Amino acid sequence: MNRQKLVDLNEVDRIVNDPKFLAVADQIAERSITLARDEQKLLPLPSHLGKIFNLTFTDEEDAAITKTFVEELRLKGRQVESYTLSARAGEAEINRVLAKLDSAKFDAVIYSVAVRARSGKGSVALPPTGKRLASELVKRQLPLLVISFGNPYMLLAMPEVPAYLLAYSPFPVSQRAAAKALLGEIEISGRLPVGLPGLYPRGHGLKIEKQTNK
């Protein structure tokens, strides 16, 4: 690597780790959080809420892809039991996680979907395992919230879910923003950048005020 490239990389590192840059990134992520649906009036999650079950589904290789989100909730004192399943999860693994869900009473269930729409990926659809998990959660009639940490169109694959929040990416900055939104630490006021055919038009979004008594 020549000296010019080394200088350029050092400059990039300096910029992305600058507190001012990080603060702006947090603000952008927080303002983008969009609540398309909340039929059970789950948000914001009450401070007295007990146990939360988070089930992450991803088509990525990273089994800890929503670690930042879960850790953020735990840092704020929430009891979170969390599991991750990939698109390659077998029947035994799926049944094991669902049995965990059925074995205890949870006050809220979060289905975190980390499926990104990327050029050359071949598909932006929710893989069969992801659809099956959504169906299993819905039929249990749980206090359920789906969060899309990526592809905004995921609701089209599971239109029956009662609540749908969009964070748009699995990056830590978006995960922190999603956790803050759930806890009422920020206002939710984002709008859909695209239409969800047959469900919601572009520009749709529910507004939830920041909880001033937190």
N, C-alpha and C. Protein backbone atom coordinates (compact mmCIF):
# COMPACT_ATOMS: atom_id res chain seq x y z
N MET A 1 0.86 -1.19 0.00
CA MET A 1 0.00 0.00 0.00
C MET A 1 0.89 1.24 0.00
N ASN A 2 0.66 2.19 -0.95
CA ASN A 2 1.51 3.37 -0.99
C ASN A 2 1.09 4.38 0.08
N ARG A 3 1.94 5.39 0.26
CA ARG A 3 1.70 6.33 1.35
C ARG A 3 0.40 7.11 1.17
N GLN A 4 0.07 7.47 -0.08
CA GLN A 4 -1.13 8.25 -0.32
C GLN A 4 -2.37 7.48 0.12
N LYS A 5 -2.41 6.17 -0.22
CA LYS A 5 -3.56 5.36 0.17
C LYS A 5 -3.64 5.23 1.68
N LEU A 6 -2.48 5.10 2.34
CA LEU A 6 -2.46 4.98 3.79
C LEU A 6 -3.00 6.26 4.43
N VAL A 7 -2.60 7.40 3.90
CA VAL A 7 -3.08 8.69 4.41
C VAL A 7 -4.59 8.78 4.22
N ASP A 8 -5.09 8.36 3.05
CA ASP A 8 -6.52 8.42 2.77
C ASP A 8 -7.32 7.56 3.74
N LEU A 9 -6.82 6.35 4.01
CA LEU A 9 -7.52 5.45 4.92
C LEU A 9 -7.51 5.99 6.34
N ASN A 10 -6.42 6.60 6.75
CA ASN A 10 -6.36 7.21 8.08
C ASN A 10 -7.37 8.35 8.21
N GLU A 11 -7.53 9.11 7.13
CA GLU A 11 -8.48 10.22 7.14
C GLU A 11 -9.91 9.70 7.25
N VAL A 12 -10.21 8.63 6.49
CA VAL A 12 -11.54 8.03 6.57
C VAL A 12 -11.82 7.53 7.98
N ASP A 13 -10.83 6.87 8.58
CA ASP A 13 -10.99 6.35 9.94
C ASP A 13 -11.24 7.49 10.93
N ARG A 14 -10.51 8.58 10.75
CA ARG A 14 -10.68 9.73 11.63
C ARG A 14 -12.09 10.30 11.53
N ILE A 15 -12.60 10.39 10.31
CA ILE A 15 -13.92 10.98 10.08
C ILE A 15 -15.02 10.12 10.68
N VAL A 16 -14.99 8.80 10.38
CA VAL A 16 -16.10 7.94 10.82
C VAL A 16 -16.09 7.73 12.32
N ASN A 17 -14.96 8.01 13.00
CA ASN A 17 -14.91 7.86 14.45
C ASN A 17 -15.00 9.20 15.17
N ASP A 18 -15.24 10.26 14.42
CA ASP A 18 -15.40 11.57 15.01
C ASP A 18 -16.75 11.62 15.74
N PRO A 19 -16.77 12.05 17.03
CA PRO A 19 -18.03 12.11 17.78
C PRO A 19 -19.12 12.91 17.08
N LYS A 20 -18.74 13.96 16.36
CA LYS A 20 -19.73 14.76 15.65
C LYS A 20 -20.36 13.95 14.53
N PHE A 21 -19.54 13.18 13.82
CA PHE A 21 -20.05 12.32 12.74
C PHE A 21 -20.99 11.27 13.31
N LEU A 22 -20.59 10.66 14.43
CA LEU A 22 -21.41 9.61 15.04
C LEU A 22 -22.73 10.18 15.54
N ALA A 23 -22.71 11.40 16.07
CA ALA A 23 -23.94 12.02 16.56
C ALA A 23 -24.92 12.28 15.42
N VAL A 24 -24.39 12.73 14.29
CA VAL A 24 -25.24 12.98 13.12
C VAL A 24 -25.81 11.66 12.61
N ALA A 25 -24.99 10.61 12.58
CA ALA A 25 -25.45 9.30 12.14
C ALA A 25 -26.58 8.79 13.03
N ASP A 26 -26.46 9.01 14.34
CA ASP A 26 -27.51 8.61 15.28
C ASP A 26 -28.81 9.37 14.98
N GLN A 27 -28.70 10.66 14.73
CA GLN A 27 -29.88 11.48 14.46
C GLN A 27 -30.59 11.02 13.18
N ILE A 28 -29.82 10.72 12.16
CA ILE A 28 -30.40 10.27 10.89
C ILE A 28 -31.12 8.94 11.09
N ALA A 29 -30.47 8.01 11.80
CA ALA A 29 -31.08 6.70 12.04
C ALA A 29 -32.36 6.83 12.86
N GLU A 30 -32.33 7.68 13.88
CA GLU A 30 -33.50 7.85 14.74
C GLU A 30 -34.68 8.45 13.98
N ARG A 31 -34.41 9.41 13.12
CA ARG A 31 -35.48 10.04 12.36
C ARG A 31 -36.05 9.12 11.28
N SER A 32 -35.26 8.12 10.88
CA SER A 32 -35.73 7.22 9.82
C SER A 32 -36.66 6.12 10.33
N ILE A 33 -36.62 5.83 11.63
CA ILE A 33 -37.43 4.74 12.18
C ILE A 33 -38.90 4.97 11.83
N THR A 34 -39.51 3.96 11.23
CA THR A 34 -40.88 4.09 10.72
C THR A 34 -41.76 3.00 11.30
N LEU A 35 -42.90 3.40 11.83
CA LEU A 35 -43.89 2.46 12.34
C LEU A 35 -45.05 2.41 11.35
N ALA A 36 -45.14 1.32 10.63
CA ALA A 36 -46.20 1.19 9.62
C ALA A 36 -47.51 0.68 10.23
N ARG A 37 -47.39 -0.10 11.31
CA ARG A 37 -48.58 -0.73 11.89
C ARG A 37 -48.34 -1.04 13.36
N ASP A 38 -49.38 -0.81 14.17
CA ASP A 38 -49.31 -1.16 15.60
C ASP A 38 -50.72 -1.43 16.10
N GLU A 39 -51.31 -2.52 15.64
CA GLU A 39 -52.70 -2.83 15.95
C GLU A 39 -52.93 -3.14 17.42
N GLN A 40 -51.91 -3.63 18.10
CA GLN A 40 -52.05 -3.98 19.52
C GLN A 40 -51.60 -2.85 20.45
N LYS A 41 -51.21 -1.71 19.88
CA LYS A 41 -50.75 -0.55 20.66
C LYS A 41 -49.61 -0.95 21.61
N LEU A 42 -48.63 -1.64 21.05
CA LEU A 42 -47.50 -2.11 21.86
C LEU A 42 -46.49 -1.00 22.19
N LEU A 43 -46.36 -0.05 21.27
CA LEU A 43 -45.30 0.95 21.43
C LEU A 43 -45.83 2.25 22.02
N PRO A 44 -44.98 2.85 22.85
CA PRO A 44 -43.70 2.33 23.35
C PRO A 44 -43.92 1.25 24.40
N LEU A 45 -42.95 0.35 24.55
CA LEU A 45 -43.08 -0.72 25.53
C LEU A 45 -43.10 -0.12 26.93
N PRO A 46 -44.11 -0.43 27.73
CA PRO A 46 -44.19 0.14 29.09
C PRO A 46 -42.95 -0.19 29.92
N SER A 47 -42.59 0.72 30.79
CA SER A 47 -41.40 0.53 31.62
C SER A 47 -41.55 -0.64 32.57
N HIS A 48 -42.79 -0.99 32.93
CA HIS A 48 -43.01 -2.10 33.86
C HIS A 48 -43.10 -3.46 33.15
N LEU A 49 -42.93 -3.44 31.83
CA LEU A 49 -43.05 -4.68 31.07
C LEU A 49 -42.05 -5.72 31.56
N GLY A 50 -42.49 -6.96 31.65
CA GLY A 50 -41.64 -8.04 32.13
C GLY A 50 -40.72 -8.59 31.05
N LYS A 51 -40.84 -9.86 30.79
CA LYS A 51 -39.91 -10.53 29.89
C LYS A 51 -40.24 -10.31 28.41
N ILE A 52 -39.18 -10.14 27.63
CA ILE A 52 -39.29 -9.95 26.18
C ILE A 52 -38.60 -11.12 25.49
N PHE A 53 -39.24 -11.66 24.47
CA PHE A 53 -38.66 -12.72 23.67
C PHE A 53 -38.29 -12.14 22.32
N ASN A 54 -37.01 -12.16 21.98
CA ASN A 54 -36.58 -11.68 20.66
C ASN A 54 -36.12 -12.86 19.81
N LEU A 55 -36.76 -13.03 18.67
CA LEU A 55 -36.37 -14.05 17.71
C LEU A 55 -35.86 -13.35 16.46
N THR A 56 -34.60 -13.56 16.16
CA THR A 56 -34.00 -12.97 14.97
C THR A 56 -33.93 -14.00 13.85
N PHE A 57 -34.41 -13.59 12.68
CA PHE A 57 -34.22 -14.41 11.49
C PHE A 57 -33.34 -13.64 10.52
N THR A 58 -32.33 -14.31 9.97
CA THR A 58 -31.43 -13.64 9.04
C THR A 58 -30.99 -14.58 7.93
N ASP A 59 -30.72 -14.01 6.77
CA ASP A 59 -30.11 -14.77 5.68
C ASP A 59 -28.63 -14.42 5.56
N GLU A 60 -28.10 -13.77 6.59
CA GLU A 60 -26.68 -13.45 6.66
C GLU A 60 -25.93 -14.59 7.37
N GLU A 61 -24.61 -14.52 7.33
CA GLU A 61 -23.78 -15.51 8.01
C GLU A 61 -23.56 -15.17 9.48
N ASP A 62 -23.85 -13.94 9.85
CA ASP A 62 -23.58 -13.45 11.20
C ASP A 62 -24.69 -13.85 12.17
N ALA A 63 -24.40 -14.79 13.05
CA ALA A 63 -25.40 -15.26 14.01
C ALA A 63 -25.69 -14.24 15.10
N ALA A 64 -24.81 -13.25 15.25
CA ALA A 64 -25.00 -12.21 16.27
C ALA A 64 -25.40 -10.89 15.62
N ILE A 65 -26.11 -10.97 14.53
CA ILE A 65 -26.39 -9.77 13.72
C ILE A 65 -27.21 -8.72 14.47
N THR A 66 -28.08 -9.12 15.41
CA THR A 66 -28.86 -8.14 16.16
C THR A 66 -28.36 -7.98 17.59
N LYS A 67 -27.10 -8.28 17.80
CA LYS A 67 -26.52 -8.19 19.15
C LYS A 67 -26.66 -6.79 19.74
N THR A 68 -26.39 -5.77 18.96
CA THR A 68 -26.45 -4.39 19.46
C THR A 68 -27.86 -4.06 19.94
N PHE A 69 -28.87 -4.45 19.17
CA PHE A 69 -30.27 -4.19 19.53
C PHE A 69 -30.61 -4.84 20.87
N VAL A 70 -30.28 -6.11 21.00
CA VAL A 70 -30.61 -6.85 22.22
C VAL A 70 -29.85 -6.27 23.42
N GLU A 71 -28.57 -5.97 23.23
CA GLU A 71 -27.77 -5.42 24.32
C GLU A 71 -28.29 -4.05 24.76
N GLU A 72 -28.76 -3.27 23.80
CA GLU A 72 -29.30 -1.94 24.12
C GLU A 72 -30.53 -2.08 25.02
N LEU A 73 -31.40 -3.03 24.71
CA LEU A 73 -32.59 -3.25 25.54
C LEU A 73 -32.19 -3.72 26.94
N ARG A 74 -31.22 -4.60 27.00
CA ARG A 74 -30.77 -5.12 28.30
C ARG A 74 -30.10 -4.04 29.14
N LEU A 75 -29.35 -3.16 28.49
CA LEU A 75 -28.70 -2.07 29.21
C LEU A 75 -29.72 -1.14 29.86
N LYS A 76 -30.91 -1.08 29.27
CA LYS A 76 -31.97 -0.24 29.81
C LYS A 76 -32.85 -1.01 30.80
N GLY A 77 -32.37 -2.17 31.23
CA GLY A 77 -33.05 -2.91 32.28
C GLY A 77 -34.12 -3.87 31.83
N ARG A 78 -34.25 -4.12 30.54
CA ARG A 78 -35.26 -5.04 30.05
C ARG A 78 -34.75 -6.48 30.07
N GLN A 79 -35.61 -7.39 30.47
CA GLN A 79 -35.28 -8.82 30.46
C GLN A 79 -35.55 -9.37 29.05
N VAL A 80 -34.50 -9.72 28.36
CA VAL A 80 -34.65 -10.18 26.98
C VAL A 80 -34.05 -11.57 26.81
N GLU A 81 -34.87 -12.49 26.32
CA GLU A 81 -34.38 -13.81 25.94
C GLU A 81 -34.32 -13.80 24.41
N SER A 82 -33.16 -14.09 23.87
CA SER A 82 -32.96 -13.89 22.43
C SER A 82 -32.38 -15.12 21.74
N TYR A 83 -32.90 -15.39 20.54
CA TYR A 83 -32.44 -16.52 19.73
C TYR A 83 -32.34 -16.07 18.28
N THR A 84 -31.42 -16.68 17.55
CA THR A 84 -31.24 -16.36 16.14
C THR A 84 -31.34 -17.63 15.31
N LEU A 85 -32.12 -17.55 14.23
CA LEU A 85 -32.23 -18.66 13.28
C LEU A 85 -31.88 -18.14 11.89
N SER A 86 -31.17 -18.96 11.12
CA SER A 86 -30.80 -18.59 9.77
C SER A 86 -31.72 -19.27 8.77
N ALA A 87 -31.54 -18.92 7.51
CA ALA A 87 -32.35 -19.52 6.44
C ALA A 87 -32.07 -21.01 6.31
N ARG A 88 -30.97 -21.48 6.88
CA ARG A 88 -30.61 -22.90 6.80
C ARG A 88 -31.01 -23.68 8.05
N ALA A 89 -31.75 -23.06 8.95
CA ALA A 89 -32.13 -23.73 10.19
C ALA A 89 -32.96 -24.98 9.91
N GLY A 90 -32.66 -26.05 10.60
CA GLY A 90 -33.39 -27.30 10.42
C GLY A 90 -34.62 -27.36 11.29
N GLU A 91 -35.44 -28.37 11.06
CA GLU A 91 -36.70 -28.53 11.78
C GLU A 91 -36.49 -28.64 13.29
N ALA A 92 -35.48 -29.40 13.70
CA ALA A 92 -35.23 -29.58 15.12
C ALA A 92 -34.87 -28.26 15.80
N GLU A 93 -34.05 -27.45 15.12
CA GLU A 93 -33.64 -26.16 15.67
C GLU A 93 -34.83 -25.21 15.78
N ILE A 94 -35.66 -25.19 14.75
CA ILE A 94 -36.86 -24.34 14.77
C ILE A 94 -37.78 -24.74 15.91
N ASN A 95 -38.03 -26.03 16.04
CA ASN A 95 -38.94 -26.52 17.09
C ASN A 95 -38.38 -26.25 18.49
N ARG A 96 -37.06 -26.28 18.61
CA ARG A 96 -36.44 -26.00 19.91
C ARG A 96 -36.70 -24.56 20.33
N VAL A 97 -36.55 -23.63 19.40
CA VAL A 97 -36.77 -22.22 19.71
C VAL A 97 -38.25 -21.95 20.00
N LEU A 98 -39.13 -22.54 19.21
CA LEU A 98 -40.56 -22.34 19.45
C LEU A 98 -40.99 -22.95 20.78
N ALA A 99 -40.36 -24.05 21.17
CA ALA A 99 -40.66 -24.66 22.46
C ALA A 99 -40.25 -23.72 23.60
N LYS A 100 -39.12 -23.03 23.43
CA LYS A 100 -38.69 -22.04 24.42
C LYS A 100 -39.73 -20.94 24.56
N LEU A 101 -40.26 -20.50 23.42
CA LEU A 101 -41.28 -19.46 23.44
C LEU A 101 -42.55 -19.94 24.15
N ASP A 102 -42.92 -21.18 23.92
CA ASP A 102 -44.14 -21.72 24.49
C ASP A 102 -44.00 -22.09 25.97
N SER A 103 -42.77 -22.23 26.43
CA SER A 103 -42.55 -22.72 27.80
C SER A 103 -42.68 -21.64 28.86
N ALA A 104 -42.69 -20.39 28.46
CA ALA A 104 -42.78 -19.30 29.43
C ALA A 104 -43.69 -18.21 28.90
N LYS A 105 -44.23 -17.42 29.81
CA LYS A 105 -45.09 -16.31 29.40
C LYS A 105 -44.24 -15.07 29.17
N PHE A 106 -44.29 -14.56 27.97
CA PHE A 106 -43.56 -13.34 27.63
C PHE A 106 -44.55 -12.19 27.43
N ASP A 107 -44.14 -11.02 27.89
CA ASP A 107 -45.02 -9.85 27.80
C ASP A 107 -44.96 -9.18 26.44
N ALA A 108 -43.93 -9.47 25.68
CA ALA A 108 -43.81 -8.97 24.31
C ALA A 108 -42.90 -9.90 23.52
N VAL A 109 -43.22 -10.08 22.26
CA VAL A 109 -42.40 -10.92 21.37
C VAL A 109 -41.97 -10.05 20.19
N ILE A 110 -40.68 -10.02 19.94
CA ILE A 110 -40.13 -9.25 18.83
C ILE A 110 -39.56 -10.22 17.80
N TYR A 111 -40.01 -10.06 16.57
CA TYR A 111 -39.46 -10.85 15.47
C TYR A 111 -38.58 -9.92 14.66
N SER A 112 -37.27 -10.04 14.85
CA SER A 112 -36.30 -9.18 14.18
C SER A 112 -35.85 -9.84 12.88
N VAL A 113 -36.15 -9.21 11.77
CA VAL A 113 -35.85 -9.79 10.47
C VAL A 113 -34.71 -9.01 9.82
N ALA A 114 -33.57 -9.66 9.71
CA ALA A 114 -32.39 -9.03 9.11
C ALA A 114 -32.15 -9.64 7.73
N VAL A 115 -32.95 -9.20 6.78
CA VAL A 115 -32.84 -9.65 5.38
C VAL A 115 -32.70 -8.40 4.54
N ARG A 116 -31.56 -8.26 3.88
CA ARG A 116 -31.28 -7.04 3.13
C ARG A 116 -31.55 -7.21 1.64
N ALA A 117 -32.00 -6.14 1.04
CA ALA A 117 -32.15 -6.11 -0.42
C ALA A 117 -30.84 -5.60 -1.00
N ARG A 118 -30.14 -6.47 -1.73
CA ARG A 118 -28.84 -6.09 -2.29
C ARG A 118 -28.76 -6.47 -3.75
N SER A 119 -28.11 -5.63 -4.50
CA SER A 119 -27.91 -5.91 -5.92
C SER A 119 -27.11 -7.19 -6.09
N GLY A 120 -27.59 -8.07 -6.96
CA GLY A 120 -26.88 -9.32 -7.23
C GLY A 120 -27.18 -10.43 -6.26
N LYS A 121 -28.04 -10.16 -5.27
CA LYS A 121 -28.34 -11.18 -4.27
C LYS A 121 -29.25 -12.26 -4.83
N GLY A 122 -30.01 -11.91 -5.88
CA GLY A 122 -30.86 -12.91 -6.52
C GLY A 122 -32.30 -12.85 -6.08
N SER A 123 -32.57 -12.37 -4.87
CA SER A 123 -33.94 -12.31 -4.38
C SER A 123 -34.03 -11.33 -3.23
N VAL A 124 -35.15 -10.63 -3.13
CA VAL A 124 -35.39 -9.76 -1.98
C VAL A 124 -36.55 -10.31 -1.16
N ALA A 125 -36.99 -11.51 -1.44
CA ALA A 125 -38.11 -12.10 -0.73
C ALA A 125 -37.67 -12.68 0.60
N LEU A 126 -38.64 -12.85 1.49
CA LEU A 126 -38.38 -13.50 2.76
C LEU A 126 -38.26 -15.00 2.51
N PRO A 127 -37.13 -15.61 2.86
CA PRO A 127 -36.96 -17.05 2.64
C PRO A 127 -38.05 -17.86 3.35
N PRO A 128 -38.30 -19.09 2.87
CA PRO A 128 -39.37 -19.92 3.44
C PRO A 128 -39.30 -20.08 4.95
N THR A 129 -38.11 -20.25 5.51
CA THR A 129 -37.98 -20.40 6.96
C THR A 129 -38.46 -19.15 7.67
N GLY A 130 -38.13 -18.00 7.12
CA GLY A 130 -38.57 -16.74 7.71
C GLY A 130 -40.08 -16.59 7.68
N LYS A 131 -40.70 -16.98 6.58
CA LYS A 131 -42.16 -16.91 6.47
C LYS A 131 -42.82 -17.88 7.44
N ARG A 132 -42.23 -19.05 7.56
CA ARG A 132 -42.80 -20.04 8.46
C ARG A 132 -42.76 -19.56 9.91
N LEU A 133 -41.63 -18.95 10.31
CA LEU A 133 -41.52 -18.43 11.67
C LEU A 133 -42.55 -17.33 11.93
N ALA A 134 -42.75 -16.46 10.95
CA ALA A 134 -43.77 -15.42 11.09
C ALA A 134 -45.14 -16.03 11.30
N SER A 135 -45.46 -17.05 10.52
CA SER A 135 -46.75 -17.72 10.63
C SER A 135 -46.93 -18.37 12.00
N GLU A 136 -45.86 -19.00 12.50
CA GLU A 136 -45.92 -19.64 13.81
C GLU A 136 -46.16 -18.62 14.92
N LEU A 137 -45.53 -17.47 14.81
CA LEU A 137 -45.69 -16.43 15.81
C LEU A 137 -47.10 -15.84 15.77
N VAL A 138 -47.60 -15.60 14.58
CA VAL A 138 -48.93 -15.00 14.43
C VAL A 138 -50.02 -15.92 14.97
N LYS A 139 -49.94 -17.20 14.67
CA LYS A 139 -51.01 -18.12 15.09
C LYS A 139 -51.06 -18.32 16.60
N ARG A 140 -49.99 -17.91 17.31
CA ARG A 140 -50.00 -18.00 18.76
C ARG A 140 -50.68 -16.80 19.41
N GLN A 141 -51.09 -15.83 18.59
CA GLN A 141 -51.81 -14.64 19.07
C GLN A 141 -51.05 -13.94 20.20
N LEU A 142 -49.81 -13.65 19.92
CA LEU A 142 -48.92 -13.03 20.89
C LEU A 142 -48.92 -11.50 20.77
N PRO A 143 -48.47 -10.81 21.82
CA PRO A 143 -48.19 -9.38 21.69
C PRO A 143 -46.93 -9.24 20.84
N LEU A 144 -47.11 -9.14 19.53
CA LEU A 144 -46.02 -9.34 18.57
C LEU A 144 -45.68 -8.08 17.79
N LEU A 145 -44.38 -7.82 17.69
CA LEU A 145 -43.86 -6.73 16.88
C LEU A 145 -42.80 -7.27 15.94
N VAL A 146 -42.92 -6.99 14.66
CA VAL A 146 -41.90 -7.34 13.67
C VAL A 146 -41.06 -6.11 13.38
N ILE A 147 -39.74 -6.28 13.41
CA ILE A 147 -38.83 -5.20 13.03
C ILE A 147 -38.04 -5.65 11.81
N SER A 148 -38.05 -4.83 10.76
CA SER A 148 -37.23 -5.12 9.60
C SER A 148 -35.93 -4.34 9.71
N PHE A 149 -34.83 -5.07 9.93
CA PHE A 149 -33.50 -4.48 9.95
C PHE A 149 -32.90 -4.64 8.55
N GLY A 150 -33.59 -4.13 7.56
CA GLY A 150 -33.13 -4.27 6.19
C GLY A 150 -34.23 -3.96 5.20
N ASN A 151 -34.59 -4.95 4.41
CA ASN A 151 -35.56 -4.81 3.33
C ASN A 151 -36.92 -4.30 3.83
N PRO A 152 -37.37 -3.13 3.38
CA PRO A 152 -38.64 -2.58 3.86
C PRO A 152 -39.87 -3.35 3.38
N TYR A 153 -39.70 -4.20 2.38
CA TYR A 153 -40.84 -4.90 1.80
C TYR A 153 -41.25 -6.17 2.56
N MET A 154 -40.59 -6.48 3.67
CA MET A 154 -40.84 -7.73 4.37
C MET A 154 -42.30 -7.91 4.79
N LEU A 155 -43.00 -6.81 5.02
CA LEU A 155 -44.41 -6.93 5.43
C LEU A 155 -45.26 -7.61 4.36
N LEU A 156 -44.86 -7.49 3.11
CA LEU A 156 -45.62 -8.12 2.02
C LEU A 156 -45.59 -9.64 2.13
N ALA A 157 -44.55 -10.18 2.78
CA ALA A 157 -44.43 -11.62 2.93
C ALA A 157 -45.15 -12.14 4.17
N MET A 158 -45.53 -11.23 5.06
CA MET A 158 -46.24 -11.63 6.29
C MET A 158 -47.25 -10.54 6.66
N PRO A 159 -48.22 -10.29 5.78
CA PRO A 159 -49.15 -9.17 5.96
C PRO A 159 -50.06 -9.29 7.16
N GLU A 160 -50.10 -10.47 7.79
CA GLU A 160 -51.00 -10.68 8.92
C GLU A 160 -50.40 -10.26 10.26
N VAL A 161 -49.12 -9.86 10.31
CA VAL A 161 -48.52 -9.50 11.60
C VAL A 161 -49.15 -8.21 12.12
N PRO A 162 -49.33 -8.11 13.45
CA PRO A 162 -50.07 -6.96 14.00
C PRO A 162 -49.27 -5.67 14.12
N ALA A 163 -47.94 -5.75 14.09
CA ALA A 163 -47.13 -4.54 14.22
C ALA A 163 -45.87 -4.67 13.38
N TYR A 164 -45.49 -3.57 12.73
CA TYR A 164 -44.36 -3.61 11.81
C TYR A 164 -43.58 -2.31 11.91
N LEU A 165 -42.31 -2.43 12.34
CA LEU A 165 -41.41 -1.30 12.49
C LEU A 165 -40.25 -1.46 11.52
N LEU A 166 -39.84 -0.38 10.89
CA LEU A 166 -38.74 -0.43 9.94
C LEU A 166 -37.54 0.33 10.46
N ALA A 167 -36.39 -0.36 10.51
CA ALA A 167 -35.13 0.27 10.87
C ALA A 167 -34.21 0.39 9.66
N TYR A 168 -34.51 -0.35 8.59
CA TYR A 168 -33.89 -0.24 7.27
C TYR A 168 -32.48 -0.83 7.12
N SER A 169 -31.78 -1.09 8.21
CA SER A 169 -30.44 -1.70 8.08
C SER A 169 -30.09 -2.42 9.37
N PRO A 170 -29.14 -3.38 9.29
CA PRO A 170 -28.70 -4.08 10.49
C PRO A 170 -27.49 -3.43 11.15
N PHE A 171 -27.10 -2.25 10.69
CA PHE A 171 -25.93 -1.60 11.25
C PHE A 171 -26.22 -1.16 12.68
N PRO A 172 -25.20 -1.15 13.55
CA PRO A 172 -25.40 -0.80 14.96
C PRO A 172 -26.16 0.51 15.18
N VAL A 173 -25.91 1.51 14.36
CA VAL A 173 -26.58 2.79 14.54
C VAL A 173 -28.10 2.63 14.38
N SER A 174 -28.53 1.78 13.46
CA SER A 174 -29.95 1.55 13.26
C SER A 174 -30.54 0.69 14.37
N GLN A 175 -29.75 -0.25 14.87
CA GLN A 175 -30.22 -1.08 15.97
C GLN A 175 -30.40 -0.27 17.24
N ARG A 176 -29.49 0.65 17.50
CA ARG A 176 -29.63 1.52 18.67
C ARG A 176 -30.89 2.38 18.54
N ALA A 177 -31.12 2.89 17.35
CA ALA A 177 -32.30 3.73 17.13
C ALA A 177 -33.59 2.93 17.32
N ALA A 178 -33.62 1.69 16.85
CA ALA A 178 -34.80 0.85 17.01
C ALA A 178 -35.09 0.58 18.48
N ALA A 179 -34.03 0.31 19.25
CA ALA A 179 -34.22 0.06 20.68
C ALA A 179 -34.77 1.31 21.38
N LYS A 180 -34.22 2.47 21.04
CA LYS A 180 -34.71 3.72 21.63
C LYS A 180 -36.18 3.96 21.27
N ALA A 181 -36.54 3.64 20.05
CA ALA A 181 -37.93 3.82 19.61
C ALA A 181 -38.87 2.92 20.41
N LEU A 182 -38.47 1.68 20.61
CA LEU A 182 -39.30 0.75 21.37
C LEU A 182 -39.50 1.22 22.81
N LEU A 183 -38.48 1.83 23.37
CA LEU A 183 -38.53 2.23 24.77
C LEU A 183 -39.11 3.63 24.97
N GLY A 184 -39.50 4.28 23.90
CA GLY A 184 -40.08 5.61 24.01
C GLY A 184 -39.08 6.71 24.27
N GLU A 185 -37.80 6.44 24.01
CA GLU A 185 -36.76 7.44 24.26
C GLU A 185 -36.64 8.45 23.12
N ILE A 186 -37.20 8.13 21.98
CA ILE A 186 -37.22 9.05 20.85
C ILE A 186 -38.61 9.05 20.22
N GLU A 187 -38.92 10.10 19.52
CA GLU A 187 -40.18 10.15 18.77
C GLU A 187 -40.07 9.25 17.54
N ILE A 188 -41.14 8.55 17.24
CA ILE A 188 -41.20 7.78 16.00
C ILE A 188 -42.00 8.61 15.01
N SER A 189 -41.36 9.01 13.93
CA SER A 189 -42.05 9.89 12.98
C SER A 189 -41.61 9.63 11.54
N GLY A 190 -40.92 8.52 11.29
CA GLY A 190 -40.46 8.22 9.94
C GLY A 190 -41.60 7.90 8.99
N ARG A 191 -41.34 8.02 7.71
CA ARG A 191 -42.33 7.75 6.67
C ARG A 191 -41.77 6.74 5.68
N LEU A 192 -42.63 5.89 5.16
CA LEU A 192 -42.19 4.90 4.19
C LEU A 192 -41.59 5.57 2.95
N PRO A 193 -40.38 5.19 2.57
CA PRO A 193 -39.76 5.76 1.37
C PRO A 193 -40.28 5.08 0.10
N VAL A 194 -40.99 3.98 0.29
CA VAL A 194 -41.56 3.22 -0.83
C VAL A 194 -42.97 2.81 -0.45
N GLY A 195 -43.79 2.50 -1.45
CA GLY A 195 -45.11 1.97 -1.17
C GLY A 195 -45.05 0.47 -0.94
N LEU A 196 -45.94 -0.03 -0.10
CA LEU A 196 -46.09 -1.47 0.10
C LEU A 196 -47.41 -1.85 -0.57
N PRO A 197 -47.35 -2.31 -1.82
CA PRO A 197 -48.55 -2.54 -2.63
C PRO A 197 -49.64 -3.32 -1.91
N GLY A 198 -50.83 -2.75 -1.92
CA GLY A 198 -51.98 -3.39 -1.30
C GLY A 198 -52.08 -3.16 0.19
N LEU A 199 -51.06 -2.49 0.77
CA LEU A 199 -51.06 -2.28 2.22
C LEU A 199 -50.95 -0.80 2.57
N TYR A 200 -49.81 -0.18 2.24
CA TYR A 200 -49.59 1.21 2.62
C TYR A 200 -48.90 1.97 1.49
N PRO A 201 -49.28 3.23 1.30
CA PRO A 201 -48.63 4.03 0.25
C PRO A 201 -47.30 4.61 0.73
N ARG A 202 -46.51 5.03 -0.20
CA ARG A 202 -45.29 5.76 0.13
C ARG A 202 -45.66 6.99 0.96
N GLY A 203 -44.90 7.24 2.00
CA GLY A 203 -45.17 8.39 2.87
C GLY A 203 -45.98 8.03 4.10
N HIS A 204 -46.48 6.79 4.17
CA HIS A 204 -47.25 6.37 5.34
C HIS A 204 -46.34 6.18 6.54
N GLY A 205 -46.86 6.46 7.71
CA GLY A 205 -46.10 6.23 8.94
C GLY A 205 -46.88 6.73 10.14
N LEU A 206 -46.96 5.92 11.18
CA LEU A 206 -47.62 6.32 12.41
C LEU A 206 -46.66 7.14 13.27
N LYS A 207 -47.20 8.09 13.99
CA LYS A 207 -46.36 8.92 14.85
C LYS A 207 -46.57 8.55 16.31
N ILE A 208 -45.49 8.30 17.01
CA ILE A 208 -45.52 8.00 18.43
C ILE A 208 -44.63 9.02 19.15
N GLU A 209 -45.20 9.73 20.09
CA GLU A 209 -44.44 10.75 20.79
C GLU A 209 -43.39 10.15 21.72
N LYS A 210 -42.33 10.89 21.93
CA LYS A 210 -41.33 10.53 22.92
C LYS A 210 -41.96 10.55 24.30
N GLN A 211 -41.60 9.59 25.13
CA GLN A 211 -42.15 9.52 26.48
C GLN A 211 -41.35 10.42 27.42
N THR A 212 -41.96 11.52 27.83
CA THR A 212 -41.25 12.51 28.63
C THR A 212 -41.07 12.08 30.07
N ASN A 213 -41.81 11.05 30.49
CA ASN A 213 -41.72 10.62 31.88
C ASN A 213 -40.71 9.49 32.08
N LYS A 214 -39.90 9.20 31.03
CA LYS A 214 -38.90 8.12 31.15
C LYS A 214 -37.80 8.54 32.09
